[in-house]
Every structure is written in structure tokens, then in C-alpha cells.
Amino acid sequence: MAHAALETFLVLNGHELAASVDDAQRATLALASGDLSREQLAAWVERHVIPLAR
């Protein structure tokens, strides 16, 4: 659910993730389990976000 919410937020704001679904799900699950901090997730998103192709 978190991955879907992230993708939706990004698309609504003109961006998308340049990462596989598996990688994105691993990142959100790591956040949920406490293995990744919010700051670390934000940094991961910054490294993997690109503008939507139009």
C-alpha cells in the first residue's frame, strides 16, 4: 500500500520512480519494519525520482 501511495503522489506531481517495483517495495517495507529511517527513505526517493515522460 505504501508503494502505491508513493507512486500516486509522485505521478500527481509530475514524477515517477526510476526503480523496479521490487526495489520500491523493499524500501517501503524497510521503512515499515524500522530498518530504514524516514530520512533514508527520502534520500532513496530523491535518488530514484525522475520527471514523467510526456
PDB file of N, CA and C in Angstrom:
ATOM      1  N   MET A   1       0.816  -1.186   0.000  1.00  0.00           N
ATOM      2  CA  MET A   1       0.000   0.000   0.000  1.00  0.00           C
ATOM      3  C   MET A   1       0.868   1.260   0.000  1.00  0.00           C
ATOM      4  N   ALA A   2       1.938   1.262   0.783  1.00  0.00           N
ATOM      5  CA  ALA A   2       2.807   2.443   0.852  1.00  0.00           C
ATOM      6  C   ALA A   2       3.449   2.734  -0.496  1.00  0.00           C
ATOM      7  N   HIS A   3       3.857   1.687  -1.191  1.00  0.00           N
ATOM      8  CA  HIS A   3       4.471   1.874  -2.506  1.00  0.00           C
ATOM      9  C   HIS A   3       3.470   2.495  -3.465  1.00  0.00           C
ATOM     10  N   ALA A   4       2.239   2.003  -3.460  1.00  0.00           N
ATOM     11  CA  ALA A   4       1.199   2.547  -4.340  1.00  0.00           C
ATOM     12  C   ALA A   4       0.921   4.012  -4.012  1.00  0.00           C
ATOM     13  N   ALA A   5       0.879   4.347  -2.735  1.00  0.00           N
ATOM     14  CA  ALA A   5       0.639   5.736  -2.328  1.00  0.00           C
ATOM     15  C   ALA A   5       1.790   6.630  -2.789  1.00  0.00           C
ATOM     16  N   LEU A   6       3.013   6.157  -2.651  1.00  0.00           N
ATOM     17  CA  LEU A   6       4.177   6.925  -3.096  1.00  0.00           C
ATOM     18  C   LEU A   6       4.118   7.163  -4.596  1.00  0.00           C
ATOM     19  N   GLU A   7       3.863   6.110  -5.360  1.00  0.00           N
ATOM     20  CA  GLU A   7       3.776   6.236  -6.820  1.00  0.00           C
ATOM     21  C   GLU A   7       2.668   7.208  -7.216  1.00  0.00           C
ATOM     22  N   THR A   8       1.510   7.117  -6.569  1.00  0.00           N
ATOM     23  CA  THR A   8       0.392   8.004  -6.880  1.00  0.00           C
ATOM     24  C   THR A   8       0.761   9.453  -6.593  1.00  0.00           C
ATOM     25  N   PHE A   9       1.352   9.711  -5.442  1.00  0.00           N
ATOM     26  CA  PHE A   9       1.781  11.057  -5.077  1.00  0.00           C
ATOM     27  C   PHE A   9       2.743  11.611  -6.120  1.00  0.00           C
ATOM     28  N   LEU A  10       3.728  10.810  -6.509  1.00  0.00           N
ATOM     29  CA  LEU A  10       4.715  11.279  -7.479  1.00  0.00           C
ATOM     30  C   LEU A  10       4.071  11.580  -8.827  1.00  0.00           C
ATOM     31  N   VAL A  11       3.215  10.685  -9.317  1.00  0.00           N
ATOM     32  CA  VAL A  11       2.566  10.886 -10.615  1.00  0.00           C
ATOM     33  C   VAL A  11       1.696  12.135 -10.595  1.00  0.00           C
ATOM     34  N   LEU A  12       0.949  12.331  -9.521  1.00  0.00           N
ATOM     35  CA  LEU A  12       0.106  13.527  -9.418  1.00  0.00           C
ATOM     36  C   LEU A  12       0.926  14.807  -9.420  1.00  0.00           C
ATOM     37  N   ASN A  13       2.206  14.680  -9.084  1.00  0.00           N
ATOM     38  CA  ASN A  13       3.100  15.835  -9.048  1.00  0.00           C
ATOM     39  C   ASN A  13       4.112  15.830 -10.192  1.00  0.00           C
ATOM     40  N   GLY A  14       3.823  15.033 -11.242  1.00  0.00           N
ATOM     41  CA  GLY A  14       4.633  15.067 -12.455  1.00  0.00           C
ATOM     42  C   GLY A  14       5.930  14.294 -12.420  1.00  0.00           C
ATOM     43  N   HIS A  15       6.021  13.299 -11.531  1.00  0.00           N
ATOM     44  CA  HIS A  15       7.252  12.500 -11.419  1.00  0.00           C
ATOM     45  C   HIS A  15       6.917  11.011 -11.333  1.00  0.00           C
ATOM     46  N   GLU A  16       7.948  10.200 -11.438  1.00  0.00           N
ATOM     47  CA  GLU A  16       7.810   8.752 -11.248  1.00  0.00           C
ATOM     48  C   GLU A  16       9.110   8.194 -10.717  1.00  0.00           C
ATOM     49  N   LEU A  17       9.044   6.971 -10.215  1.00  0.00           N
ATOM     50  CA  LEU A  17      10.241   6.312  -9.719  1.00  0.00           C
ATOM     51  C   LEU A  17      10.960   5.603 -10.854  1.00  0.00           C
ATOM     52  N   ALA A  18      12.254   5.770 -10.905  1.00  0.00           N
ATOM     53  CA  ALA A  18      13.096   5.031 -11.837  1.00  0.00           C
ATOM     54  C   ALA A  18      13.738   3.896 -11.049  1.00  0.00           C
ATOM     55  N   ALA A  19      12.887   3.015 -10.552  1.00  0.00           N
ATOM     56  CA  ALA A  19      13.326   1.856  -9.767  1.00  0.00           C
ATOM     57  C   ALA A  19      12.337   0.730 -10.029  1.00  0.00           C
ATOM     58  N   SER A  20      12.797  -0.480  -9.886  1.00  0.00           N
ATOM     59  CA  SER A  20      11.896  -1.608 -10.087  1.00  0.00           C
ATOM     60  C   SER A  20      10.849  -1.649  -8.975  1.00  0.00           C
ATOM     61  N   VAL A  21       9.745  -2.301  -9.238  1.00  0.00           N
ATOM     62  CA  VAL A  21       8.705  -2.471  -8.223  1.00  0.00           C
ATOM     63  C   VAL A  21       9.289  -3.191  -7.013  1.00  0.00           C
ATOM     64  N   ASP A  22      10.117  -4.194  -7.254  1.00  0.00           N
ATOM     65  CA  ASP A  22      10.727  -4.936  -6.141  1.00  0.00           C
ATOM     66  C   ASP A  22      11.588  -4.022  -5.274  1.00  0.00           C
ATOM     67  N   ASP A  23      12.392  -3.164  -5.901  1.00  0.00           N
ATOM     68  CA  ASP A  23      13.240  -2.251  -5.130  1.00  0.00           C
ATOM     69  C   ASP A  23      12.401  -1.261  -4.329  1.00  0.00           C
ATOM     70  N   ALA A  24      11.357  -0.723  -4.937  1.00  0.00           N
ATOM     71  CA  ALA A  24      10.490   0.232  -4.242  1.00  0.00           C
ATOM     72  C   ALA A  24       9.765  -0.438  -3.079  1.00  0.00           C
ATOM     73  N   GLN A  25       9.301  -1.657  -3.295  1.00  0.00           N
ATOM     74  CA  GLN A  25       8.629  -2.369  -2.210  1.00  0.00           C
ATOM     75  C   GLN A  25       9.594  -2.706  -1.083  1.00  0.00           C
ATOM     76  N   ARG A  26      10.818  -3.076  -1.429  1.00  0.00           N
ATOM     77  CA  ARG A  26      11.822  -3.340  -0.395  1.00  0.00           C
ATOM     78  C   ARG A  26      12.082  -2.095   0.445  1.00  0.00           C
ATOM     79  N   ALA A  27      12.155  -0.951  -0.205  1.00  0.00           N
ATOM     80  CA  ALA A  27      12.413   0.300   0.515  1.00  0.00           C
ATOM     81  C   ALA A  27      11.256   0.635   1.453  1.00  0.00           C
ATOM     82  N   THR A  28      10.019   0.515   0.977  1.00  0.00           N
ATOM     83  CA  THR A  28       8.884   0.850   1.837  1.00  0.00           C
ATOM     84  C   THR A  28       8.714  -0.170   2.955  1.00  0.00           C
ATOM     85  N   LEU A  29       9.001  -1.434   2.694  1.00  0.00           N
ATOM     86  CA  LEU A  29       8.929  -2.442   3.751  1.00  0.00           C
ATOM     87  C   LEU A  29      10.027  -2.232   4.792  1.00  0.00           C
ATOM     88  N   ALA A  30      11.197  -1.797   4.337  1.00  0.00           N
ATOM     89  CA  ALA A  30      12.284  -1.499   5.275  1.00  0.00           C
ATOM     90  C   ALA A  30      11.898  -0.332   6.187  1.00  0.00           C
ATOM     91  N   LEU A  31      11.202   0.658   5.634  1.00  0.00           N
ATOM     92  CA  LEU A  31      10.716   1.761   6.454  1.00  0.00           C
ATOM     93  C   LEU A  31       9.708   1.247   7.479  1.00  0.00           C
ATOM     94  N   ALA A  32       8.776   0.437   7.031  1.00  0.00           N
ATOM     95  CA  ALA A  32       7.731  -0.081   7.924  1.00  0.00           C
ATOM     96  C   ALA A  32       8.314  -0.937   9.049  1.00  0.00           C
ATOM     97  N   SER A  33       9.373  -1.664   8.762  1.00  0.00           N
ATOM     98  CA  SER A  33       9.973  -2.545   9.777  1.00  0.00           C
ATOM     99  C   SER A  33      10.954  -1.819  10.690  1.00  0.00           C
ATOM    100  N   GLY A  34      11.244  -0.571  10.376  1.00  0.00           N
ATOM    101  CA  GLY A  34      12.191   0.181  11.188  1.00  0.00           C
ATOM    102  C   GLY A  34      13.639   0.029  10.755  1.00  0.00           C
ATOM    103  N   ASP A  35      13.870  -0.702   9.662  1.00  0.00           N
ATOM    104  CA  ASP A  35      15.234  -0.882   9.171  1.00  0.00           C
ATOM    105  C   ASP A  35      15.724   0.308   8.356  1.00  0.00           C
ATOM    106  N   LEU A  36      14.812   1.207   8.013  1.00  0.00           N
ATOM    107  CA  LEU A  36      15.129   2.391   7.227  1.00  0.00           C
ATOM    108  C   LEU A  36      14.429   3.571   7.883  1.00  0.00           C
ATOM    109  N   SER A  37      15.143   4.670   8.070  1.00  0.00           N
ATOM    110  CA  SER A  37      14.528   5.860   8.664  1.00  0.00           C
ATOM    111  C   SER A  37      13.781   6.655   7.586  1.00  0.00           C
ATOM    112  N   ARG A  38      12.963   7.592   8.036  1.00  0.00           N
ATOM    113  CA  ARG A  38      12.259   8.460   7.081  1.00  0.00           C
ATOM    114  C   ARG A  38      13.265   9.244   6.246  1.00  0.00           C
ATOM    115  N   GLU A  39      14.326   9.686   6.873  1.00  0.00           N
ATOM    116  CA  GLU A  39      15.352  10.442   6.151  1.00  0.00           C
ATOM    117  C   GLU A  39      16.030   9.579   5.093  1.00  0.00           C
ATOM    118  N   GLN A  40      16.285   8.322   5.447  1.00  0.00           N
ATOM    119  CA  GLN A  40      16.897   7.407   4.483  1.00  0.00           C
ATOM    120  C   GLN A  40      15.947   7.114   3.324  1.00  0.00           C
ATOM    121  N   LEU A  41      14.662   6.972   3.623  1.00  0.00           N
ATOM    122  CA  LEU A  41      13.692   6.755   2.537  1.00  0.00           C
ATOM    123  C   LEU A  41      13.626   7.994   1.652  1.00  0.00           C
ATOM    124  N   ALA A  42      13.607   9.169   2.242  1.00  0.00           N
ATOM    125  CA  ALA A  42      13.572  10.406   1.456  1.00  0.00           C
ATOM    126  C   ALA A  42      14.789  10.488   0.532  1.00  0.00           C
ATOM    127  N   ALA A  43      15.949  10.124   1.039  1.00  0.00           N
ATOM    128  CA  ALA A  43      17.162  10.133   0.217  1.00  0.00           C
ATOM    129  C   ALA A  43      17.057   9.104  -0.903  1.00  0.00           C
ATOM    130  N   TRP A  44      16.501   7.930  -0.609  1.00  0.00           N
ATOM    131  CA  TRP A  44      16.315   6.895  -1.628  1.00  0.00           C
ATOM    132  C   TRP A  44      15.383   7.404  -2.723  1.00  0.00           C
ATOM    133  N   VAL A  45      14.287   8.034  -2.330  1.00  0.00           N
ATOM    134  CA  VAL A  45      13.339   8.572  -3.313  1.00  0.00           C
ATOM    135  C   VAL A  45      14.025   9.639  -4.165  1.00  0.00           C
ATOM    136  N   GLU A  46      14.763  10.535  -3.543  1.00  0.00           N
ATOM    137  CA  GLU A  46      15.465  11.582  -4.298  1.00  0.00           C
ATOM    138  C   GLU A  46      16.402  10.992  -5.346  1.00  0.00           C
ATOM    139  N   ARG A  47      17.046   9.877  -5.013  1.00  0.00           N
ATOM    140  CA  ARG A  47      17.970   9.235  -5.963  1.00  0.00           C
ATOM    141  C   ARG A  47      17.237   8.536  -7.101  1.00  0.00           C
ATOM    142  N   HIS A  48      15.950   8.188  -6.890  1.00  0.00           N
ATOM    143  CA  HIS A  48      15.235   7.383  -7.877  1.00  0.00           C
ATOM    144  C   HIS A  48      14.063   8.093  -8.550  1.00  0.00           C
ATOM    145  N   VAL A  49      13.854   9.368  -8.282  1.00  0.00           N
ATOM    146  CA  VAL A  49      12.716  10.066  -8.878  1.00  0.00           C
ATOM    147  C   VAL A  49      13.154  10.788 -10.150  1.00  0.00           C
ATOM    148  N   ILE A  50      12.287  10.712 -11.163  1.00  0.00           N
ATOM    149  CA  ILE A  50      12.527  11.393 -12.438  1.00  0.00           C
ATOM    150  C   ILE A  50      11.232  12.058 -12.892  1.00  0.00           C
ATOM    151  N   PRO A  51      11.346  13.083 -13.729  1.00  0.00           N
ATOM    152  CA  PRO A  51      10.125  13.699 -14.271  1.00  0.00           C
ATOM    153  C   PRO A  51       9.394  12.700 -15.171  1.00  0.00           C
ATOM    154  N   LEU A  52       8.067  12.794 -15.182  1.00  0.00           N
ATOM    155  CA  LEU A  52       7.266  11.949 -16.071  1.00  0.00           C
ATOM    156  C   LEU A  52       7.586  12.285 -17.525  1.00  0.00           C
ATOM    157  N   ALA A  53       7.697  11.273 -18.338  1.00  0.00           N
ATOM    158  CA  ALA A  53       7.864  11.478 -19.779  1.00  0.00           C
ATOM    159  C   ALA A  53       6.516  11.932 -20.348  1.00  0.00           C
ATOM    160  N   ARG A  54       6.551  12.962 -21.134  1.00  0.00           N
ATOM    161  CA  ARG A  54       5.293  13.475 -21.713  1.00  0.00           C
ATOM    162  C   ARG A  54       5.264  13.320 -23.201  1.00  0.00           C
TER     163      ARG A  54
END
